C-alpha cells in the first residue's frame, strides 16, 4: 500500500471515530436548526422546501436574502439558526483539524 493511501485511510479512520464521539452534539445542533427552520416556515407560511433552504443558507452563513422572515419571532429563530450553524461549522472544522494532526503524527512515527 502506498503512503498516500495509507495516510488517507488513517485520516478517515480518525475522522469517523471522532465523529462517532461528537455525533450526539452535532445531531442535537442539526435538530435545533431544522426545528427552528420549520417553525419559521410555519410562522411565515413558507413551504417545507423553502423552510429547509432558508435554514441551511442561514446556518452556513451564506444568507442570500431571497427569503427574509418578517415576524419578530421568526427573526429571533433565524438568529438561533445562525449561531447553531456557526457551532456546527466549528465542530466539523475541529474534527477535521484533529484528524489531520493525528494523520501527520502517524506518518512521522512510521518513518
Protein backbone atom coordinates (compact mmCIF):
# COMPACT_ATOMS: atom_id res chain seq x y z
CA UNK A 1 0.00 0.00 0.00
CA UNK A 2 1.44 3.37 -0.94
CA UNK A 3 1.92 6.21 1.53
CA UNK A 4 -0.93 8.38 0.20
CA UNK A 5 -3.48 5.60 0.53
CA UNK A 6 -2.22 4.76 3.99
CA UNK A 7 -2.47 8.41 5.12
CA UNK A 8 -5.95 8.69 3.62
CA UNK A 9 -7.04 5.55 5.45
CA UNK A 10 -5.66 6.87 8.77
CA UNK A 11 -7.32 10.26 8.24
CA UNK A 12 -10.78 8.84 7.54
CA UNK A 13 -10.44 6.28 10.33
CA UNK A 14 -9.68 9.00 12.85
CA UNK A 15 -12.33 11.34 11.42
CA UNK A 16 -15.12 8.76 11.62
CA UNK A 17 -14.06 7.66 15.10
CA UNK A 18 -14.22 11.27 16.33
CA UNK A 19 -17.48 11.87 14.50
CA UNK A 20 -18.93 8.99 16.49
CA UNK A 21 -17.91 10.75 19.71
CA UNK A 22 -19.43 14.15 18.88
CA UNK A 23 -22.40 12.83 16.88
CA UNK A 24 -24.87 13.39 19.75
CA UNK A 25 -23.85 17.06 19.86
CA UNK A 26 -23.89 17.51 16.08
CA UNK A 27 -27.25 15.80 15.71
CA UNK A 28 -28.67 17.97 18.51
CA UNK A 29 -27.43 21.13 16.80
CA UNK A 30 -28.84 19.93 13.49
CA UNK A 31 -32.18 19.17 15.15
CA UNK A 32 -32.31 22.68 16.65
CA UNK A 33 -31.54 24.17 13.23
CA UNK A 34 -34.13 22.15 11.33
CA UNK A 35 -36.76 22.60 14.05
CA UNK A 36 -36.21 26.35 14.10
CA UNK A 37 -36.33 26.49 10.31
CA UNK A 38 -39.59 24.58 10.17
CA UNK A 39 -41.05 26.85 12.87
CA UNK A 40 -40.04 29.89 10.81
CA UNK A 41 -41.64 28.31 7.77
CA UNK A 42 -44.86 27.80 9.70
CA UNK A 43 -44.88 31.37 11.02
CA UNK A 44 -44.04 32.87 7.64
CA UNK A 45 -46.31 30.45 5.69
CA UNK A 46 -43.44 29.05 3.63
CA UNK A 47 -43.36 25.53 2.26
CA UNK A 48 -41.14 22.84 3.78
CA UNK A 49 -38.64 23.13 0.92
CA UNK A 50 -38.28 26.89 1.36
CA UNK A 51 -38.02 26.46 5.13
CA UNK A 52 -35.19 23.93 4.87
CA UNK A 53 -33.47 26.00 2.18
CA UNK A 54 -33.63 29.07 4.45
CA UNK A 55 -32.34 27.01 7.38
CA UNK A 56 -29.19 25.82 5.65
CA UNK A 57 -28.48 29.06 3.78
CA UNK A 58 -28.71 30.88 7.11
CA UNK A 59 -26.93 28.19 9.15
CA UNK A 60 -24.00 28.09 6.75
CA UNK A 61 -23.89 31.91 7.00
CA UNK A 62 -24.41 32.34 3.26
CA UNK A 63 -27.55 34.45 3.58
CA UNK A 64 -28.70 35.13 0.03
CA UNK A 65 -31.60 37.28 1.22
CA UNK A 66 -34.17 35.80 -1.14
CA UNK A 67 -36.22 34.58 1.82
CA UNK A 68 -36.48 37.03 4.70
CA UNK A 69 -38.51 36.46 7.88
CA UNK A 70 -40.90 39.32 8.64
CA UNK A 71 -42.14 38.46 12.14
CA UNK A 72 -40.08 39.17 15.28
CA UNK A 73 -40.32 35.55 16.46
CA UNK A 74 -39.11 34.31 13.09
CA UNK A 75 -36.17 36.69 13.17
CA UNK A 76 -35.23 35.51 16.65
CA UNK A 77 -35.33 31.90 15.45
CA UNK A 78 -33.16 32.90 12.48
CA UNK A 79 -30.54 34.15 14.96
CA UNK A 80 -30.72 30.77 16.73
CA UNK A 81 -30.15 29.07 13.36
CA UNK A 82 -27.17 31.33 12.65
CA UNK A 83 -25.49 30.62 15.99
CA UNK A 84 -26.21 26.89 15.64
CA UNK A 85 -24.68 26.90 12.17
CA UNK A 86 -21.53 28.59 13.46
CA UNK A 87 -21.30 26.00 16.24
CA UNK A 88 -21.79 23.13 13.79
CA UNK A 89 -19.19 24.51 11.37
CA UNK A 90 -16.70 24.97 14.20
CA UNK A 91 -17.21 21.41 15.44
CA UNK A 92 -16.74 19.93 11.98
CA UNK A 93 -13.63 22.06 11.38
CA UNK A 94 -12.21 20.97 14.75
CA UNK A 95 -12.79 17.31 13.87
CA UNK A 96 -11.00 17.71 10.55
CA UNK A 97 -8.04 19.52 12.13
CA UNK A 98 -7.73 16.84 14.81
CA UNK A 99 -7.85 14.08 12.18
CA UNK A 100 -5.16 15.87 10.14
CA UNK A 101 -2.95 16.22 13.22
CA UNK A 102 -3.28 12.54 14.08
CA UNK A 103 -2.57 11.60 10.46
CA UNK A 104 0.60 13.70 10.49
CA UNK A 105 1.62 12.20 13.84
CA UNK A 106 1.06 8.70 12.47
CA UNK A 107 3.12 9.49 9.35
CA UNK A 108 6.03 10.76 11.49
CA UNK A 109 6.07 7.62 13.65
CA UNK A 110 6.14 5.35 10.59
CA UNK A 111 9.35 6.92 9.25
